[in-house]
Amino acid sequence: MVAHEHNLFWEFHDLLFKNYKELNREKIIALGNELGISSSELEKSFTNEYILLKIQKDIMDAKQAGVRGVPKVFINGMALKERTLKAFQIEIDKALTKQAK
C-alpha cells in the first residue's frame, strides 16, 4: 500500500520477487528505502490494521481455493494443472464455448 501511494507498486513488487529468498522485515525496509520510501512509512505498514486484514483475507481466499503455492492460475474458478500456453488456450476456449451457449 505504501509503495502504491508513492506510485512505485510494480517497482517494489519486482524488487520483492527478485529478493524473495532473503525477505524479512529489515530486507523489505531496505528495498523500500532503495526506492525512496521512508523506513517510518514502511514500519507503519507492518502494523496497519487495514493491510493486515487484507492479507488475512487473501490467505483465507487462497486456502479455500486450494492454493498451496504461487503462481496459481484459475479460469472460471477451475485451477489449471498444466501451466503451458497450449493448456491455457484450451481451457480458455472451453470456457468461452461454455459461456456462449
C-alpha atoms as a PDB file:
ATOM      1  CA  MET A   1       0.000   0.000   0.000  1.00  0.00           C
ATOM      2  CA  VAL A   2       2.824   2.376   0.838  1.00  0.00           C
ATOM      3  CA  ALA A   3       4.542   1.646  -2.466  1.00  0.00           C
ATOM      4  CA  HIS A   4       1.244   2.200  -4.278  1.00  0.00           C
ATOM      5  CA  GLU A   5       0.842   5.588  -2.591  1.00  0.00           C
ATOM      6  CA  HIS A   6       4.270   6.516  -3.990  1.00  0.00           C
ATOM      7  CA  ASN A   7       3.348   5.197  -7.471  1.00  0.00           C
ATOM      8  CA  LEU A   8       6.021   2.536  -7.003  1.00  0.00           C
ATOM      9  CA  PHE A   9       3.863  -0.560  -6.666  1.00  0.00           C
ATOM     10  CA  TRP A  10       5.352  -2.537  -9.565  1.00  0.00           C
ATOM     11  CA  GLU A  11       8.907  -1.433  -8.841  1.00  0.00           C
ATOM     12  CA  PHE A  12       8.552  -2.602  -5.242  1.00  0.00           C
ATOM     13  CA  HIS A  13       6.762  -5.761  -6.365  1.00  0.00           C
ATOM     14  CA  ASP A  14       9.632  -6.611  -8.713  1.00  0.00           C
ATOM     15  CA  LEU A  15      12.268  -5.979  -6.036  1.00  0.00           C
ATOM     16  CA  LEU A  16      10.419  -8.179  -3.556  1.00  0.00           C
ATOM     17  CA  PHE A  17      10.159 -11.046  -6.033  1.00  0.00           C
ATOM     18  CA  LYS A  18      13.776 -10.622  -7.115  1.00  0.00           C
ATOM     19  CA  ASN A  19      14.843 -10.946  -3.469  1.00  0.00           C
ATOM     20  CA  TYR A  20      12.182 -13.387  -2.251  1.00  0.00           C
ATOM     21  CA  LYS A  21      14.702 -15.825  -0.737  1.00  0.00           C
ATOM     22  CA  GLU A  22      16.109 -13.122   1.540  1.00  0.00           C
ATOM     23  CA  LEU A  23      12.904 -11.398   2.674  1.00  0.00           C
ATOM     24  CA  ASN A  24      12.471 -10.379   6.253  1.00  0.00           C
ATOM     25  CA  ARG A  25      11.377  -7.134   7.873  1.00  0.00           C
ATOM     26  CA  GLU A  26      14.783  -5.486   7.542  1.00  0.00           C
ATOM     27  CA  LYS A  27      15.204  -6.524   3.894  1.00  0.00           C
ATOM     28  CA  ILE A  28      11.743  -5.221   2.976  1.00  0.00           C
ATOM     29  CA  ILE A  29      12.564  -1.877   4.576  1.00  0.00           C
ATOM     30  CA  ALA A  30      15.942  -1.732   2.823  1.00  0.00           C
ATOM     31  CA  LEU A  31      14.324  -2.453  -0.545  1.00  0.00           C
ATOM     32  CA  GLY A  32      11.713   0.223   0.078  1.00  0.00           C
ATOM     33  CA  ASN A  33      14.462   2.656   1.015  1.00  0.00           C
ATOM     34  CA  GLU A  34      16.171   1.931  -2.325  1.00  0.00           C
ATOM     35  CA  LEU A  35      13.014   3.238  -3.984  1.00  0.00           C
ATOM     36  CA  GLY A  36      12.847   6.310  -1.773  1.00  0.00           C
ATOM     37  CA  ILE A  37      10.178   5.082   0.642  1.00  0.00           C
ATOM     38  CA  SER A  38      10.982   6.077   4.214  1.00  0.00           C
ATOM     39  CA  SER A  39      11.664   3.496   6.895  1.00  0.00           C
ATOM     40  CA  SER A  40       8.998   5.032   9.130  1.00  0.00           C
ATOM     41  CA  GLU A  41       6.315   4.661   6.446  1.00  0.00           C
ATOM     42  CA  LEU A  42       7.293   1.054   5.899  1.00  0.00           C
ATOM     43  CA  GLU A  43       7.366   0.327   9.634  1.00  0.00           C
ATOM     44  CA  LYS A  44       3.832   1.717   9.993  1.00  0.00           C
ATOM     45  CA  SER A  45       2.619  -0.565   7.215  1.00  0.00           C
ATOM     46  CA  PHE A  46       3.652  -3.637   9.220  1.00  0.00           C
ATOM     47  CA  THR A  47       1.036  -2.784  11.856  1.00  0.00           C
ATOM     48  CA  ASN A  48      -1.610  -1.156   9.657  1.00  0.00           C
ATOM     49  CA  GLU A  49      -4.899  -2.879  10.549  1.00  0.00           C
ATOM     50  CA  TYR A  50      -6.347  -2.474   7.036  1.00  0.00           C
ATOM     51  CA  ILE A  51      -3.293  -4.091   5.425  1.00  0.00           C
ATOM     52  CA  LEU A  52      -3.220  -6.935   7.957  1.00  0.00           C
ATOM     53  CA  LEU A  53      -6.923  -7.691   7.397  1.00  0.00           C
ATOM     54  CA  LYS A  54      -6.424  -7.622   3.625  1.00  0.00           C
ATOM     55  CA  ILE A  55      -3.538 -10.103   3.898  1.00  0.00           C
ATOM     56  CA  GLN A  56      -5.579 -12.384   6.151  1.00  0.00           C
ATOM     57  CA  LYS A  57      -8.461 -12.315   3.663  1.00  0.00           C
ATOM     58  CA  ASP A  58      -6.107 -13.131   0.772  1.00  0.00           C
ATOM     59  CA  ILE A  59      -4.698 -16.088   2.725  1.00  0.00           C
ATOM     60  CA  MET A  60      -8.199 -17.319   3.581  1.00  0.00           C
ATOM     61  CA  ASP A  61      -9.353 -16.996  -0.039  1.00  0.00           C
ATOM     62  CA  ALA A  62      -6.279 -18.865  -1.253  1.00  0.00           C
ATOM     63  CA  LYS A  63      -6.822 -21.712   1.220  1.00  0.00           C
ATOM     64  CA  GLN A  64     -10.477 -22.015   0.203  1.00  0.00           C
ATOM     65  CA  ALA A  65      -9.434 -22.157  -3.455  1.00  0.00           C
ATOM     66  CA  GLY A  66      -6.843 -24.853  -2.734  1.00  0.00           C
ATOM     67  CA  VAL A  67      -3.812 -22.705  -3.465  1.00  0.00           C
ATOM     68  CA  ARG A  68      -0.672 -24.205  -1.975  1.00  0.00           C
ATOM     69  CA  GLY A  69       1.883 -22.100  -3.827  1.00  0.00           C
ATOM     70  CA  VAL A  70       2.274 -19.391  -6.403  1.00  0.00           C
ATOM     71  CA  PRO A  71       1.802 -18.779  -9.186  1.00  0.00           C
ATOM     72  CA  LYS A  72      -1.587 -20.481  -9.370  1.00  0.00           C
ATOM     73  CA  VAL A  73      -3.825 -19.974 -12.382  1.00  0.00           C
ATOM     74  CA  PHE A  74      -7.612 -20.235 -12.382  1.00  0.00           C
ATOM     75  CA  ILE A  75     -10.020 -20.000 -15.291  1.00  0.00           C
ATOM     76  CA  ASN A  76     -13.653 -19.618 -14.249  1.00  0.00           C
ATOM     77  CA  GLY A  77     -12.816 -20.890 -10.785  1.00  0.00           C
ATOM     78  CA  MET A  78     -11.030 -24.008 -12.014  1.00  0.00           C
ATOM     79  CA  ALA A  79      -7.354 -24.396 -11.192  1.00  0.00           C
ATOM     80  CA  LEU A  80      -5.139 -25.242 -14.153  1.00  0.00           C
ATOM     81  CA  LYS A  81      -2.873 -28.195 -13.503  1.00  0.00           C
ATOM     82  CA  GLU A  82      -0.797 -27.716 -16.629  1.00  0.00           C
ATOM     83  CA  ARG A  83       0.660 -24.224 -16.957  1.00  0.00           C
ATOM     84  CA  THR A  84       1.589 -24.089 -20.611  1.00  0.00           C
ATOM     85  CA  LEU A  85       0.368 -21.682 -23.247  1.00  0.00           C
ATOM     86  CA  LYS A  86      -1.388 -24.539 -25.034  1.00  0.00           C
ATOM     87  CA  ALA A  87      -3.185 -25.655 -21.851  1.00  0.00           C
ATOM     88  CA  PHE A  88      -4.225 -22.063 -21.147  1.00  0.00           C
ATOM     89  CA  GLN A  89      -5.636 -21.699 -24.647  1.00  0.00           C
ATOM     90  CA  ILE A  90      -7.555 -24.985 -24.448  1.00  0.00           C
ATOM     91  CA  GLU A  91      -9.166 -24.065 -21.122  1.00  0.00           C
ATOM     92  CA  ILE A  92      -9.943 -20.514 -22.213  1.00  0.00           C
ATOM     93  CA  ASP A  93     -11.552 -21.816 -25.408  1.00  0.00           C
ATOM     94  CA  LYS A  94     -13.625 -24.294 -23.362  1.00  0.00           C
ATOM     95  CA  ALA A  95     -14.767 -21.516 -21.030  1.00  0.00           C
ATOM     96  CA  LEU A  96     -15.671 -19.226 -23.931  1.00  0.00           C
ATOM     97  CA  THR A  97     -17.599 -22.003 -25.693  1.00  0.00           C
ATOM     98  CA  LYS A  98     -19.470 -22.819 -22.491  1.00  0.00           C
ATOM     99  CA  GLN A  99     -20.276 -19.157 -21.903  1.00  0.00           C
ATOM    100  CA  ALA A 100     -21.540 -18.704 -25.484  1.00  0.00           C
ATOM    101  CA  LYS A 101     -24.132 -21.484 -25.026  1.00  0.00           C
END
